[in-house]
Protein backbone atom coordinates (compact mmCIF):
# COMPACT_ATOMS: atom_id res chain seq x y z
CA UNK A 1 143.20 13.85 -7.72
CA UNK A 2 141.97 13.57 -11.47
CA UNK A 3 139.79 16.82 -11.07
CA UNK A 4 142.79 18.83 -9.46
CA UNK A 5 144.91 17.47 -12.45
CA UNK A 6 142.68 18.49 -14.91
CA UNK A 7 142.17 21.76 -13.45
CA UNK A 8 146.14 22.06 -13.32
CA UNK A 9 146.54 21.08 -16.91
CA UNK A 10 143.93 23.14 -18.51
CA UNK A 11 143.76 26.19 -16.09
CA UNK A 12 143.71 29.40 -17.75
CA UNK A 13 146.86 31.79 -17.29
CA UNK A 14 145.60 35.06 -16.26
CA UNK A 15 147.53 36.68 -19.37
CA UNK A 16 145.09 34.87 -21.58
CA UNK A 17 141.76 36.94 -19.75
CA UNK A 18 142.58 39.83 -21.75
CA UNK A 19 142.20 38.27 -25.31
CA UNK A 20 138.94 38.45 -27.03
CA UNK A 21 138.97 35.68 -29.36
CA UNK A 22 140.80 32.68 -27.75
CA UNK A 23 138.05 30.92 -26.16
CA UNK A 24 136.34 31.10 -29.23
CA UNK A 25 138.99 29.62 -31.20
CA UNK A 26 139.79 26.81 -28.76
CA UNK A 27 135.77 25.89 -28.95
CA UNK A 28 136.20 25.81 -32.65
CA UNK A 29 139.53 23.85 -32.37
CA UNK A 30 137.78 21.24 -30.28
CA UNK A 31 134.78 20.77 -32.49
CA UNK A 32 137.13 20.33 -35.38
CA UNK A 33 138.92 17.65 -33.34
CA UNK A 34 136.18 15.85 -32.43
CA UNK A 35 134.23 15.84 -35.84
CA UNK A 36 137.78 14.72 -37.50
CA UNK A 37 137.39 11.50 -35.28
CA UNK A 38 133.71 10.90 -36.04
CA UNK A 39 134.12 10.79 -39.96
CA UNK A 40 137.56 8.83 -39.82
CA UNK A 41 135.66 5.42 -41.23
CA UNK A 42 135.03 7.28 -44.71
CA UNK A 43 137.92 6.55 -47.39
CA UNK A 44 138.16 9.54 -49.78
CA UNK A 45 140.35 9.53 -52.81
CA UNK A 46 142.54 12.57 -53.71
CA UNK A 47 143.78 12.67 -57.50
CA UNK A 48 144.77 11.19 -59.68
CA UNK A 49 147.95 12.95 -60.14
CA UNK A 50 150.67 12.66 -62.65
CA UNK A 51 154.38 12.96 -62.19
CA UNK A 52 157.26 11.74 -63.93
CA UNK A 53 155.06 9.82 -66.23
CA UNK A 54 153.34 8.25 -63.32
CA UNK A 55 149.98 8.48 -61.90
CA UNK A 56 149.14 8.09 -58.34
CA UNK A 57 146.35 8.92 -55.68
CA UNK A 58 146.35 9.80 -52.27
CA UNK A 59 143.79 7.49 -50.55
CA UNK A 60 142.98 9.12 -47.08
CA UNK A 61 140.39 8.98 -44.38
CA UNK A 62 137.68 11.16 -43.27
CA UNK A 63 140.19 12.25 -40.32
CA UNK A 64 143.20 12.82 -42.37
CA UNK A 65 141.26 15.24 -44.76
CA UNK A 66 140.15 17.23 -41.39
CA UNK A 67 142.94 16.47 -38.91
CA UNK A 68 145.46 18.60 -40.57
CA UNK A 69 143.44 21.72 -39.44
CA UNK A 70 144.09 21.20 -36.11
CA UNK A 71 147.54 21.68 -36.58
CA UNK A 72 147.06 24.96 -38.39
CA UNK A 73 145.13 25.84 -35.18
CA UNK A 74 148.31 24.78 -33.32
CA UNK A 75 150.28 27.21 -35.32
CA UNK A 76 147.70 29.96 -34.59
CA UNK A 77 147.55 29.27 -30.88
CA UNK A 78 151.37 29.27 -30.51
CA UNK A 79 152.37 32.05 -32.68
CA UNK A 80 149.59 34.38 -31.29
CA UNK A 81 148.87 33.45 -27.80
CA UNK A 82 152.58 31.66 -27.49
CA UNK A 83 153.24 28.01 -26.25
CA UNK A 84 151.23 28.39 -22.73
CA UNK A 85 147.77 29.36 -24.83
CA UNK A 86 148.76 26.26 -27.15
CA UNK A 87 149.46 23.87 -24.44
CA UNK A 88 146.07 24.84 -22.73
CA UNK A 89 144.18 24.15 -26.12
CA UNK A 90 145.93 20.73 -26.72
CA UNK A 91 144.96 19.68 -22.96
CA UNK A 92 141.48 20.68 -23.71
CA UNK A 93 141.03 19.07 -26.79
CA UNK A 94 142.78 15.55 -25.41
CA UNK A 95 140.51 15.43 -22.21
CA UNK A 96 137.33 16.49 -24.88
CA UNK A 97 138.53 13.47 -27.32
CA UNK A 98 138.68 10.96 -24.14
CA UNK A 99 135.09 12.07 -22.70
CA UNK A 100 133.92 11.38 -26.67
CA UNK A 101 135.38 8.23 -27.26
CA UNK A 102 134.36 6.86 -23.45
CA UNK A 103 130.64 8.31 -24.24
CA UNK A 104 130.62 6.66 -27.67
CA UNK A 105 131.61 3.49 -26.86
CA UNK A 106 129.09 3.39 -23.77
CA UNK A 107 126.43 4.01 -26.00
CA UNK A 108 127.52 1.63 -28.57
CA UNK A 109 127.70 -0.86 -26.22
CA UNK A 110 124.25 -0.23 -25.11
CA UNK A 111 121.30 -3.08 -26.29
CA UNK A 112 119.53 -1.60 -29.16
CA UNK A 113 115.86 -1.64 -29.18
CA UNK A 114 114.66 -4.75 -31.72
CA UNK A 115 112.51 -2.41 -33.76
CA UNK A 116 115.79 -0.12 -34.78
CA UNK A 117 117.57 -1.82 -37.37
CA UNK A 118 120.58 0.91 -37.61
CA UNK A 119 122.73 -0.63 -35.09
CA UNK A 120 125.82 -1.56 -37.67
CA UNK A 121 125.50 1.86 -39.23
CA UNK A 122 125.67 3.25 -35.92
CA UNK A 123 128.82 1.22 -34.66
CA UNK A 124 130.51 2.09 -37.95
CA UNK A 125 130.27 5.85 -37.07
CA UNK A 126 130.99 6.04 -33.26
CA UNK A 127 132.68 2.81 -32.54
CA UNK A 128 136.72 2.45 -32.44
CA UNK A 129 138.60 -0.57 -30.96
CA UNK A 130 140.32 0.37 -27.82
CA UNK A 131 143.79 -0.01 -29.71
CA UNK A 132 142.85 2.72 -32.06
CA UNK A 133 141.42 5.07 -29.76
CA UNK A 134 144.54 5.03 -27.49
CA UNK A 135 146.66 5.42 -30.52
CA UNK A 136 144.79 8.57 -31.89
CA UNK A 137 145.23 10.00 -28.26
CA UNK A 138 148.90 9.50 -28.22
CA UNK A 139 149.61 10.20 -31.39
CA UNK A 140 147.84 13.71 -31.20
CA UNK A 141 149.38 14.39 -27.95
CA UNK A 142 152.99 13.56 -29.02
CA UNK A 143 152.23 15.63 -32.55
CA UNK A 144 150.47 18.64 -31.19
CA UNK A 145 152.97 19.50 -28.48
CA UNK A 146 155.96 18.62 -31.01
CA UNK A 147 154.24 21.06 -33.82
CA UNK A 148 153.78 23.93 -30.86
CA UNK A 149 157.29 23.53 -29.39
CA UNK A 150 158.97 23.47 -32.82
CA UNK A 151 156.92 26.43 -33.78
CA UNK A 152 157.71 28.64 -30.65
CA UNK A 153 161.63 27.79 -30.69
CA UNK A 154 161.52 28.66 -34.31
CA UNK A 155 160.20 31.96 -33.61
CA UNK A 156 163.16 32.77 -31.34
CA UNK A 157 165.38 31.67 -33.84
CA UNK A 158 163.87 33.70 -36.32
CA UNK A 159 162.95 36.99 -34.44
CA UNK A 160 159.37 36.82 -35.40
CA UNK A 161 160.11 36.68 -39.05
CA UNK A 162 159.44 34.28 -42.06
CA UNK A 163 156.24 33.07 -40.45
CA UNK A 164 156.04 30.56 -43.34
CA UNK A 165 159.33 28.89 -41.94
CA UNK A 166 157.72 28.22 -38.68
CA UNK A 167 154.52 26.79 -39.59
CA UNK A 168 156.03 24.50 -42.70
CA UNK A 169 159.18 23.38 -40.06
CA UNK A 170 156.57 22.86 -37.20
CA UNK A 171 154.40 20.70 -39.42
CA UNK A 172 157.19 18.89 -40.84
CA UNK A 173 158.00 17.82 -37.28
CA UNK A 174 154.69 17.31 -35.61
CA UNK A 175 153.24 15.57 -38.50
CA UNK A 176 156.08 13.10 -38.41
CA UNK A 177 155.66 12.35 -35.17
CA UNK A 178 152.06 11.96 -35.33
CA UNK A 179 151.99 9.74 -38.41
CA UNK A 180 154.81 7.22 -36.96
CA UNK A 181 153.03 6.97 -33.63
CA UNK A 182 149.67 6.33 -34.90
CA UNK A 183 150.06 4.11 -37.88
CA UNK A 184 152.49 2.06 -35.53
CA UNK A 185 150.44 1.48 -32.46
CA UNK A 186 147.44 0.74 -34.96
CA UNK A 187 149.20 -1.83 -37.41
CA UNK A 188 152.25 -3.18 -35.57
CA UNK A 189 151.69 -7.07 -35.31
CA UNK A 190 148.89 -6.96 -37.66
CA UNK A 191 150.56 -6.25 -41.37
CA UNK A 192 153.75 -6.16 -42.48
CA UNK A 193 156.16 -3.35 -42.02
CA UNK A 194 156.48 -2.64 -45.49
CA UNK A 195 152.76 -1.82 -45.72
CA UNK A 196 153.23 0.37 -42.39
CA UNK A 197 156.34 2.38 -43.83
CA UNK A 198 154.07 2.65 -46.94
CA UNK A 199 151.06 4.50 -44.96
CA UNK A 200 153.23 6.24 -43.04
CA UNK A 201 154.77 7.98 -45.85
CA UNK A 202 151.82 8.41 -48.04
CA UNK A 203 149.99 9.80 -44.92
CA UNK A 204 152.90 12.17 -43.77
CA UNK A 205 153.01 13.51 -47.42
CA UNK A 206 149.47 14.31 -47.69
CA UNK A 207 149.39 16.07 -44.65
CA UNK A 208 152.52 18.21 -45.00
CA UNK A 209 151.61 19.25 -48.31
CA UNK A 210 147.85 20.15 -47.27
CA UNK A 211 149.07 22.28 -44.54
CA UNK A 212 152.02 23.82 -46.60
CA UNK A 213 149.18 24.80 -49.11
CA UNK A 214 147.22 26.34 -46.54
CA UNK A 215 149.95 28.87 -45.34
CA UNK A 216 148.22 31.98 -47.12
CA UNK A 217 145.41 31.53 -45.19
CA UNK A 218 147.43 31.05 -41.98
CA UNK A 219 148.98 34.28 -42.55
CA UNK A 220 145.89 36.33 -42.48
CA UNK A 221 144.42 34.52 -39.57
CA UNK A 222 147.63 35.00 -37.59
CA UNK A 223 148.23 38.46 -38.76
CA UNK A 224 144.73 39.52 -38.05
CA UNK A 225 144.63 38.44 -34.58
CA UNK A 226 147.78 39.85 -33.78
CA UNK A 227 146.26 43.14 -34.82
CA UNK A 228 142.84 42.40 -33.30
CA UNK A 229 144.79 41.01 -29.84
CA UNK A 230 147.53 43.57 -29.71
CA UNK A 231 150.17 41.09 -28.93
CA UNK A 232 152.83 39.20 -30.17
CA UNK A 233 153.96 36.75 -27.86
CA UNK A 234 157.71 35.20 -27.69
CA UNK A 235 158.54 32.66 -25.50
CA UNK A 236 161.61 33.61 -24.01
CA UNK A 237 160.93 32.25 -20.51
CA UNK A 238 158.26 29.89 -21.16
CA UNK A 239 158.44 26.30 -19.61
CA UNK A 240 158.05 23.81 -22.26
CA UNK A 241 157.23 20.98 -19.66
CA UNK A 242 153.70 19.80 -21.16
CA UNK A 243 152.74 19.37 -17.55
CA UNK A 244 153.94 22.35 -16.29
CA UNK A 245 151.45 24.74 -14.33
CA UNK A 246 149.92 27.80 -15.86
CA UNK A 247 150.60 30.47 -13.80
CA UNK A 248 153.80 31.67 -14.97
CA UNK A 249 154.63 34.64 -16.63
CA UNK A 250 154.96 34.73 -20.66
CA UNK A 251 156.98 37.22 -22.17
CA UNK A 252 155.30 39.46 -24.70
CA UNK A 253 155.74 42.21 -27.19
CA UNK A 254 152.97 44.42 -27.99
CA UNK A 255 152.49 44.60 -32.02
CA UNK A 256 152.05 47.56 -33.58
């Protein structure tokens, strides 16, 4: 049954019950994720920048300007609450995105009153072709889980030290998966592979640089939450299967 599947994937681990800030962070994460989809149509120039005597400008969509923030949330969820906390947030965000896409498409397809002249503008904001919706959902799911898995594993390898290496390393992995999937699924067969490669590289570099520049803020948020929640989770015995049940125990170390 679909309802039982949703409950299984989003059901809260009892370990999360005692955290004061987890639910609020998940809500903010979902809001940012949904808004990034709504503002995707706007193109924003970033630059120009000068490097080795050449001038270049990043051209990014509204989604690209906001979506990397969701990866920062992913880093925070995994680093503070563990992979299981991040897994729950990712699934909630996924189902929320599906619901928004379905509801937006339904409202767009409803006939507009003849006296209302804003249908085209409404479509520009709220309508995406099914191919773009599917591409963004698949890329989000694969990229976020790659990001969370990489950070959780790197935390074990580094013994919880060098947070910067985990946030940047997980971003490098997660954004690579996300960028390749979303661009290929949207543009394959519609444009040349050289253009697709250019879109992947430019978008990927922008998002990695963006998130790396946010590292100091990530440090502040992560360290503040660890102190406030009194916990620092290490995923030593975690089942990293995205479809695993949430009842399993996590290995956590209480922070000082």
